[in-house]
Every structure is written in C-alpha cells, then in structure tokens.
Amino acid sequence: MEKMEFTNNWFAQNARDIWDGLFKTEKPRKILEIGSYEGASVCHLIKTLGNEYPLEIHCVDTWEGGIEHKKGGFVDSDMSEVEARFLNNTRIAISQAAHPVELVLHKGYSDLQLAKLLAEGKAEYFDFVYVDGSHQAPDVLVDAVLSFKLTRVRGVLGFDDYLWSEPLPYGHDPIRCPKIAVDSFVNIYCRKLHVMPGGRRQLYTRKTAS
C-alpha cells in the first residue's frame, strides 16, 4: 500500500483531535479549505468522512507560501515540493476511500478564488469551511468575510492559528497575526454566528443567519 508523506505534524498538533470530536456530530459533505499545504487535513477528512459517505472538497492555495515560507523565513520550504506532496497524498487518500471523493483545486490567491466561487453560485454552499491560509491580519479578514458568505446557515466556519504569532526580530506585530482579524470578524458578525466551545489555538463558529 502506498504511503503518504508529510514533513511536519502541524495538523496533528493543532486540529486533529478537535476535528475527531467535531465530526462525531457534524457530518459535512461539502467542504472548503483555504490553505492546504501538503494535504494533511484534507487526507484526514477523506480517511474519516470519506469512509462514511461521498465528499466534495474544495482546496484553495497558491502553493507559493506565505511570508514565513520565503527563503530566510522561520519555515524554509520548497513550495513546488510541497505542492507535489499534496497532489500525491490526496491521490492516495482518495484511492483508499470507501466512497467517491470529488476534490476540486482552486490554485490562486484566496480573495480571487473565493470571489469566483461566489460568482459561480456557491453562496451558502459549504457545510464546513476551514480558514488556514495567510496569517496576515488583512488577508485573514478578507478570507473570513468571503468564507462566511460561502458557508450555509448552521454550517461551521473554523480558523486555524488563532493565537499564532510570527517570530520577528523586533517582537510581536499584531497585524502579522490572525487573531485581530478573527476577533474583528466575530465581533462584527456577532448576530449571525456563535462561537463554539473548545479549540485551544483555533476558533470555530457556527453560522446562525445569512
């Protein structure tokens, strides 16, 4: 049997246990992920949910990396190799799933790709949306607002790296972190969602109104 290859355990550290608990009651069939990297989270979805029922998963990523992935950053990655691992890992996961999995890739910047999904009639289409793309606050805020529109009422919208902070030589920069953007989004949309319990360094919300 072919084996998947991952070079880090970020998903296992941050989200896997939360997802295993969440998906005991939530049963998303249409899923959108912003920021897929090597595909660890997508492969876990395919392995767990894809053995229960058919799935439609959309992945948005540039596979260019963010600021922290550039040469000299604290994560020094060859993004062409990362993309190749994503494609191979998801191929293997789909081949092993008990039910059909439709995997749709949207390669490009998330603001444009999410806007295209809305233009294609995907408003309130997804049961579960996971925001794990850029860690820069302005980008996270745009992803949050567009993702809200793409999430169905009663669907779940989750954010990775809620408490993530970029190591910088001059200290902490709140604009180069997701938290200020996620907090702003949750406060502004407080009458249309509620924050779900649990999450450690992540934050999950349920959409309650359009």
C-alpha atoms as a PDB file:
ATOM      1  CA  MET A   1       0.000   0.000   0.000  1.00  0.00           C
ATOM      2  CA  GLU A   2       1.321   3.444  -0.939  1.00  0.00           C
ATOM      3  CA  LYS A   3       2.211   5.710   1.952  1.00  0.00           C
ATOM      4  CA  MET A   4       1.518   9.413   2.239  1.00  0.00           C
ATOM      5  CA  GLU A   5       4.415  11.752   3.037  1.00  0.00           C
ATOM      6  CA  PHE A   6       4.223  14.701   5.430  1.00  0.00           C
ATOM      7  CA  THR A   7       7.199  16.755   6.628  1.00  0.00           C
ATOM      8  CA  ASN A   8       5.525  18.240   9.720  1.00  0.00           C
ATOM      9  CA  ASN A   9       2.829  17.417  12.282  1.00  0.00           C
ATOM     10  CA  TRP A  10       1.088  20.818  12.446  1.00  0.00           C
ATOM     11  CA  PHE A  11      -2.351  19.356  11.754  1.00  0.00           C
ATOM     12  CA  ALA A  12      -1.953  16.610  14.356  1.00  0.00           C
ATOM     13  CA  GLN A  13      -0.793  19.122  16.960  1.00  0.00           C
ATOM     14  CA  ASN A  14      -3.470  21.741  16.359  1.00  0.00           C
ATOM     15  CA  ALA A  15      -6.617  20.317  14.832  1.00  0.00           C
ATOM     16  CA  ARG A  16      -6.899  16.546  14.527  1.00  0.00           C
ATOM     17  CA  ASP A  17      -8.308  15.860  17.994  1.00  0.00           C
ATOM     18  CA  ILE A  18     -10.718  18.785  17.662  1.00  0.00           C
ATOM     19  CA  TRP A  19     -11.947  17.527  14.286  1.00  0.00           C
ATOM     20  CA  ASP A  20     -12.375  13.986  15.565  1.00  0.00           C
ATOM     21  CA  GLY A  21     -14.654  15.346  18.278  1.00  0.00           C
ATOM     22  CA  LEU A  22     -16.439  17.787  15.989  1.00  0.00           C
ATOM     23  CA  PHE A  23     -17.214  15.222  13.301  1.00  0.00           C
ATOM     24  CA  LYS A  24     -18.879  12.869  15.727  1.00  0.00           C
ATOM     25  CA  THR A  25     -21.910  15.150  15.430  1.00  0.00           C
ATOM     26  CA  GLU A  26     -21.174  17.326  12.388  1.00  0.00           C
ATOM     27  CA  LYS A  27     -21.322  15.416   9.111  1.00  0.00           C
ATOM     28  CA  PRO A  28     -20.158  17.815   6.393  1.00  0.00           C
ATOM     29  CA  ARG A  29     -20.412  16.611   2.812  1.00  0.00           C
ATOM     30  CA  LYS A  30     -19.337  19.836   1.097  1.00  0.00           C
ATOM     31  CA  ILE A  31     -16.094  21.202   2.493  1.00  0.00           C
ATOM     32  CA  LEU A  32     -13.916  24.209   1.660  1.00  0.00           C
ATOM     33  CA  GLU A  33     -10.343  24.560   2.890  1.00  0.00           C
ATOM     34  CA  ILE A  34      -8.271  27.716   2.450  1.00  0.00           C
ATOM     35  CA  GLY A  35      -4.617  26.798   2.745  1.00  0.00           C
ATOM     36  CA  SER A  36      -3.886  23.124   2.166  1.00  0.00           C
ATOM     37  CA  TYR A  37      -0.066  22.836   2.185  1.00  0.00           C
ATOM     38  CA  GLU A  38       0.818  19.090   1.999  1.00  0.00           C
ATOM     39  CA  GLY A  39      -2.789  17.953   2.438  1.00  0.00           C
ATOM     40  CA  ALA A  40      -2.644  16.501   5.956  1.00  0.00           C
ATOM     41  CA  SER A  41      -6.023  17.921   6.943  1.00  0.00           C
ATOM     42  CA  VAL A  42      -7.711  17.027   3.659  1.00  0.00           C
ATOM     43  CA  CYS A  43      -6.379  13.484   3.821  1.00  0.00           C
ATOM     44  CA  HIS A  44      -7.724  13.143   7.352  1.00  0.00           C
ATOM     45  CA  LEU A  45     -11.152  14.288   6.137  1.00  0.00           C
ATOM     46  CA  ILE A  46     -11.041  11.763   3.311  1.00  0.00           C
ATOM     47  CA  LYS A  47      -9.904   8.971   5.627  1.00  0.00           C
ATOM     48  CA  THR A  48     -12.585   9.624   8.258  1.00  0.00           C
ATOM     49  CA  LEU A  49     -15.613  11.084   6.487  1.00  0.00           C
ATOM     50  CA  GLY A  50     -14.901   9.515   3.099  1.00  0.00           C
ATOM     51  CA  ASN A  51     -15.363   6.102   4.653  1.00  0.00           C
ATOM     52  CA  GLU A  52     -18.896   7.096   5.726  1.00  0.00           C
ATOM     53  CA  TYR A  53     -20.311   8.907   2.674  1.00  0.00           C
ATOM     54  CA  PRO A  54     -19.350  10.697  -0.575  1.00  0.00           C
ATOM     55  CA  LEU A  55     -17.499  14.003  -0.234  1.00  0.00           C
ATOM     56  CA  GLU A  56     -16.977  17.165  -2.245  1.00  0.00           C
ATOM     57  CA  ILE A  57     -13.858  19.023  -1.080  1.00  0.00           C
ATOM     58  CA  HIS A  58     -12.575  22.317  -2.477  1.00  0.00           C
ATOM     59  CA  CYS A  59      -8.990  23.400  -1.703  1.00  0.00           C
ATOM     60  CA  VAL A  60      -7.707  26.937  -2.211  1.00  0.00           C
ATOM     61  CA  ASP A  61      -3.960  27.537  -2.176  1.00  0.00           C
ATOM     62  CA  THR A  62      -1.308  29.350  -4.211  1.00  0.00           C
ATOM     63  CA  TRP A  63       1.349  26.805  -3.263  1.00  0.00           C
ATOM     64  CA  GLU A  64       3.683  29.782  -3.215  1.00  0.00           C
ATOM     65  CA  GLY A  65       3.805  30.001   0.591  1.00  0.00           C
ATOM     66  CA  GLY A  66       3.366  32.996   2.834  1.00  0.00           C
ATOM     67  CA  ILE A  67       5.908  35.392   4.273  1.00  0.00           C
ATOM     68  CA  GLU A  68       7.038  32.782   6.785  1.00  0.00           C
ATOM     69  CA  HIS A  69       7.783  30.286   3.971  1.00  0.00           C
ATOM     70  CA  LYS A  70      10.055  32.567   1.976  1.00  0.00           C
ATOM     71  CA  LYS A  71      13.762  31.866   1.942  1.00  0.00           C
ATOM     72  CA  GLY A  72      15.211  33.094   5.191  1.00  0.00           C
ATOM     73  CA  GLY A  73      11.874  32.860   6.996  1.00  0.00           C
ATOM     74  CA  PHE A  74      11.446  30.621  10.021  1.00  0.00           C
ATOM     75  CA  VAL A  75       9.835  27.965   7.775  1.00  0.00           C
ATOM     76  CA  ASP A  76      12.071  27.447   4.749  1.00  0.00           C
ATOM     77  CA  SER A  77      10.064  25.320   2.282  1.00  0.00           C
ATOM     78  CA  ASP A  78      10.411  24.425  -1.373  1.00  0.00           C
ATOM     79  CA  MET A  79       6.790  25.070  -2.283  1.00  0.00           C
ATOM     80  CA  SER A  80       6.947  23.131  -5.549  1.00  0.00           C
ATOM     81  CA  GLU A  81       7.810  20.040  -3.486  1.00  0.00           C
ATOM     82  CA  VAL A  82       5.034  20.878  -1.021  1.00  0.00           C
ATOM     83  CA  GLU A  83       2.517  21.033  -3.864  1.00  0.00           C
ATOM     84  CA  ALA A  84       3.761  17.735  -5.290  1.00  0.00           C
ATOM     85  CA  ARG A  85       3.322  16.079  -1.900  1.00  0.00           C
ATOM     86  CA  PHE A  86      -0.208  17.498  -1.644  1.00  0.00           C
ATOM     87  CA  LEU A  87      -1.161  16.046  -5.023  1.00  0.00           C
ATOM     88  CA  ASN A  88       0.332  12.645  -4.231  1.00  0.00           C
ATOM     89  CA  ASN A  89      -1.038  12.475  -0.697  1.00  0.00           C
ATOM     90  CA  THR A  90      -4.586  13.341  -1.736  1.00  0.00           C
ATOM     91  CA  ARG A  91      -4.417  10.926  -4.664  1.00  0.00           C
ATOM     92  CA  ILE A  92      -3.524   8.098  -2.298  1.00  0.00           C
ATOM     93  CA  ALA A  93      -6.202   9.098   0.218  1.00  0.00           C
ATOM     94  CA  ILE A  94      -8.911   9.221  -2.441  1.00  0.00           C
ATOM     95  CA  SER A  95      -7.859   5.831  -3.815  1.00  0.00           C
ATOM     96  CA  GLN A  96      -8.289   4.306  -0.355  1.00  0.00           C
ATOM     97  CA  ALA A  97     -11.636   5.921   0.492  1.00  0.00           C
ATOM     98  CA  ALA A  98     -14.728   3.721   0.662  1.00  0.00           C
ATOM     99  CA  HIS A  99     -16.905   6.351  -1.050  1.00  0.00           C
ATOM    100  CA  PRO A 100     -16.320   8.698  -4.005  1.00  0.00           C
ATOM    101  CA  VAL A 101     -14.438  11.907  -3.223  1.00  0.00           C
ATOM    102  CA  GLU A 102     -14.595  14.878  -5.588  1.00  0.00           C
ATOM    103  CA  LEU A 103     -11.530  17.036  -4.952  1.00  0.00           C
ATOM    104  CA  VAL A 104     -11.601  20.452  -6.632  1.00  0.00           C
ATOM    105  CA  LEU A 105      -8.430  22.572  -6.602  1.00  0.00           C
ATOM    106  CA  HIS A 106      -8.519  26.361  -6.851  1.00  0.00           C
ATOM    107  CA  LYS A 107      -4.909  27.404  -7.330  1.00  0.00           C
ATOM    108  CA  GLY A 108      -4.515  31.101  -6.689  1.00  0.00           C
ATOM    109  CA  TYR A 109      -4.936  33.836  -4.124  1.00  0.00           C
ATOM    110  CA  SER A 110      -7.858  33.227  -1.812  1.00  0.00           C
ATOM    111  CA  ASP A 111      -9.607  36.566  -2.299  1.00  0.00           C
ATOM    112  CA  LEU A 112      -9.938  35.948  -6.027  1.00  0.00           C
ATOM    113  CA  GLN A 113     -10.728  32.236  -5.720  1.00  0.00           C
ATOM    114  CA  LEU A 114     -13.420  32.735  -3.067  1.00  0.00           C
ATOM    115  CA  ALA A 115     -14.970  35.546  -5.097  1.00  0.00           C
ATOM    116  CA  LYS A 116     -15.069  33.203  -8.109  1.00  0.00           C
ATOM    117  CA  LEU A 117     -16.863  30.568  -6.052  1.00  0.00           C
ATOM    118  CA  LEU A 118     -19.478  33.151  -5.084  1.00  0.00           C
ATOM    119  CA  ALA A 119     -19.819  34.233  -8.708  1.00  0.00           C
ATOM    120  CA  GLU A 120     -20.357  30.578  -9.660  1.00  0.00           C
ATOM    121  CA  GLY A 121     -23.366  30.369  -7.338  1.00  0.00           C
ATOM    122  CA  LYS A 122     -21.674  28.770  -4.313  1.00  0.00           C
ATOM    123  CA  ALA A 123     -23.111  31.189  -1.740  1.00  0.00           C
ATOM    124  CA  GLU A 124     -24.167  29.246   1.381  1.00  0.00           C
ATOM    125  CA  TYR A 125     -22.963  26.057  -0.308  1.00  0.00           C
ATOM    126  CA  PHE A 126     -20.461  24.577   2.133  1.00  0.00           C
ATOM    127  CA  ASP A 127     -21.175  22.664   5.338  1.00  0.00           C
ATOM    128  CA  PHE A 128     -17.677  23.216   6.742  1.00  0.00           C
ATOM    129  CA  VAL A 129     -15.148  25.919   5.867  1.00  0.00           C
ATOM    130  CA  TYR A 130     -11.649  25.914   7.327  1.00  0.00           C
ATOM    131  CA  VAL A 131      -9.521  29.067   7.064  1.00  0.00           C
ATOM    132  CA  ASP A 132      -5.804  28.266   7.222  1.00  0.00           C
ATOM    133  CA  GLY A 133      -4.239  30.417   4.525  1.00  0.00           C
ATOM    134  CA  SER A 134      -2.308  33.637   5.025  1.00  0.00           C
ATOM    135  CA  HIS A 135      -1.506  34.604   8.612  1.00  0.00           C
ATOM    136  CA  GLN A 136      -1.516  38.321   7.840  1.00  0.00           C
ATOM    137  CA  ALA A 137      -4.465  40.059   9.505  1.00  0.00           C
ATOM    138  CA  PRO A 138      -5.769  41.894   6.398  1.00  0.00           C
ATOM    139  CA  ASP A 139      -5.771  38.636   4.417  1.00  0.00           C
ATOM    140  CA  VAL A 140      -7.429  36.695   7.227  1.00  0.00           C
ATOM    141  CA  LEU A 141     -10.209  39.287   7.481  1.00  0.00           C
ATOM    142  CA  VAL A 142     -10.961  39.047   3.755  1.00  0.00           C
ATOM    143  CA  ASP A 143     -10.961  35.230   3.955  1.00  0.00           C
ATOM    144  CA  ALA A 144     -13.321  35.348   6.939  1.00  0.00           C
ATOM    145  CA  VAL A 145     -15.887  37.630   5.302  1.00  0.00           C
ATOM    146  CA  LEU A 146     -15.934  35.758   1.990  1.00  0.00           C
ATOM    147  CA  SER A 147     -15.972  32.367   3.751  1.00  0.00           C
ATOM    148  CA  PHE A 148     -18.980  33.447   5.811  1.00  0.00           C
ATOM    149  CA  LYS A 149     -20.905  34.037   2.592  1.00  0.00           C
ATOM    150  CA  LEU A 150     -19.885  30.612   1.304  1.00  0.00           C
ATOM    151  CA  THR A 151     -20.932  28.786   4.499  1.00  0.00           C
ATOM    152  CA  ARG A 152     -24.521  27.556   4.770  1.00  0.00           C
ATOM    153  CA  VAL A 153     -26.681  28.534   7.716  1.00  0.00           C
ATOM    154  CA  ARG A 154     -25.956  26.044  10.546  1.00  0.00           C
ATOM    155  CA  GLY A 155     -22.635  25.271   8.916  1.00  0.00           C
ATOM    156  CA  VAL A 156     -19.284  25.536  10.708  1.00  0.00           C
ATOM    157  CA  LEU A 157     -16.595  28.106   9.918  1.00  0.00           C
ATOM    158  CA  GLY A 158     -13.249  27.393  11.596  1.00  0.00           C
ATOM    159  CA  PHE A 159      -9.977  29.283  11.875  1.00  0.00           C
ATOM    160  CA  ASP A 160      -6.569  27.718  12.376  1.00  0.00           C
ATOM    161  CA  ASP A 161      -3.687  29.516  14.110  1.00  0.00           C
ATOM    162  CA  TYR A 162      -5.977  31.843  16.079  1.00  0.00           C
ATOM    163  CA  LEU A 163      -3.210  32.500  18.610  1.00  0.00           C
ATOM    164  CA  TRP A 164      -0.321  32.134  16.169  1.00  0.00           C
ATOM    165  CA  SER A 165       2.395  34.760  16.366  1.00  0.00           C
ATOM    166  CA  GLU A 166       5.198  35.247  13.883  1.00  0.00           C
ATOM    167  CA  PRO A 167       8.684  35.284  15.433  1.00  0.00           C
ATOM    168  CA  LEU A 168      10.132  38.650  14.462  1.00  0.00           C
ATOM    169  CA  PRO A 169      13.455  40.254  15.426  1.00  0.00           C
ATOM    170  CA  TYR A 170      11.640  43.329  16.735  1.00  0.00           C
ATOM    171  CA  GLY A 171       8.972  41.424  18.690  1.00  0.00           C
ATOM    172  CA  HIS A 172       5.226  40.859  18.236  1.00  0.00           C
ATOM    173  CA  ASP A 173       3.353  42.561  15.381  1.00  0.00           C
ATOM    174  CA  PRO A 174      -0.449  42.196  15.807  1.00  0.00           C
ATOM    175  CA  ILE A 175      -1.084  42.933  12.134  1.00  0.00           C
ATOM    176  CA  ARG A 176       1.069  39.955  11.168  1.00  0.00           C
ATOM    177  CA  CYS A 177      -1.136  37.589  13.205  1.00  0.00           C
ATOM    178  CA  PRO A 178      -4.630  36.135  12.580  1.00  0.00           C
ATOM    179  CA  LYS A 179      -6.150  36.984  15.987  1.00  0.00           C
ATOM    180  CA  ILE A 180      -7.006  40.649  15.460  1.00  0.00           C
ATOM    181  CA  ALA A 181      -8.747  39.800  12.169  1.00  0.00           C
ATOM    182  CA  VAL A 182     -10.683  36.842  13.593  1.00  0.00           C
ATOM    183  CA  ASP A 183     -11.742  38.889  16.625  1.00  0.00           C
ATOM    184  CA  SER A 184     -12.911  41.757  14.407  1.00  0.00           C
ATOM    185  CA  PHE A 185     -14.899  39.379  12.215  1.00  0.00           C
ATOM    186  CA  VAL A 186     -16.545  37.604  15.156  1.00  0.00           C
ATOM    187  CA  ASN A 187     -17.468  40.907  16.822  1.00  0.00           C
ATOM    188  CA  ILE A 188     -18.960  42.420  13.672  1.00  0.00           C
ATOM    189  CA  TYR A 189     -20.883  39.244  12.780  1.00  0.00           C
ATOM    190  CA  CYS A 190     -21.943  38.510  16.379  1.00  0.00           C
ATOM    191  CA  ARG A 191     -25.650  38.478  15.452  1.00  0.00           C
ATOM    192  CA  LYS A 192     -25.114  35.969  12.651  1.00  0.00           C
ATOM    193  CA  LEU A 193     -22.898  33.361  14.341  1.00  0.00           C
ATOM    194  CA  HIS A 194     -21.877  31.981  17.673  1.00  0.00           C
ATOM    195  CA  VAL A 195     -18.501  30.820  18.872  1.00  0.00           C
ATOM    196  CA  MET A 196     -18.310  27.084  19.539  1.00  0.00           C
ATOM    197  CA  PRO A 197     -16.614  25.704  22.685  1.00  0.00           C
ATOM    198  CA  GLY A 198     -13.114  24.237  22.661  1.00  0.00           C
ATOM    199  CA  GLY A 199     -10.378  24.884  20.178  1.00  0.00           C
ATOM    200  CA  ARG A 200      -7.114  25.614  22.003  1.00  0.00           C
ATOM    201  CA  ARG A 201      -5.200  27.698  19.461  1.00  0.00           C
ATOM    202  CA  GLN A 202      -8.071  27.534  16.997  1.00  0.00           C
ATOM    203  CA  LEU A 203     -11.532  29.113  16.879  1.00  0.00           C
ATOM    204  CA  TYR A 204     -14.738  27.604  15.477  1.00  0.00           C
ATOM    205  CA  THR A 205     -18.052  29.336  14.810  1.00  0.00           C
ATOM    206  CA  ARG A 206     -21.490  28.196  13.726  1.00  0.00           C
ATOM    207  CA  LYS A 207     -23.336  30.374  11.211  1.00  0.00           C
ATOM    208  CA  THR A 208     -26.799  31.144  12.550  1.00  0.00           C
ATOM    209  CA  ALA A 209     -28.110  33.610   9.949  1.00  0.00           C
ATOM    210  CA  SER A 210     -27.294  34.911   6.477  1.00  0.00           C
END
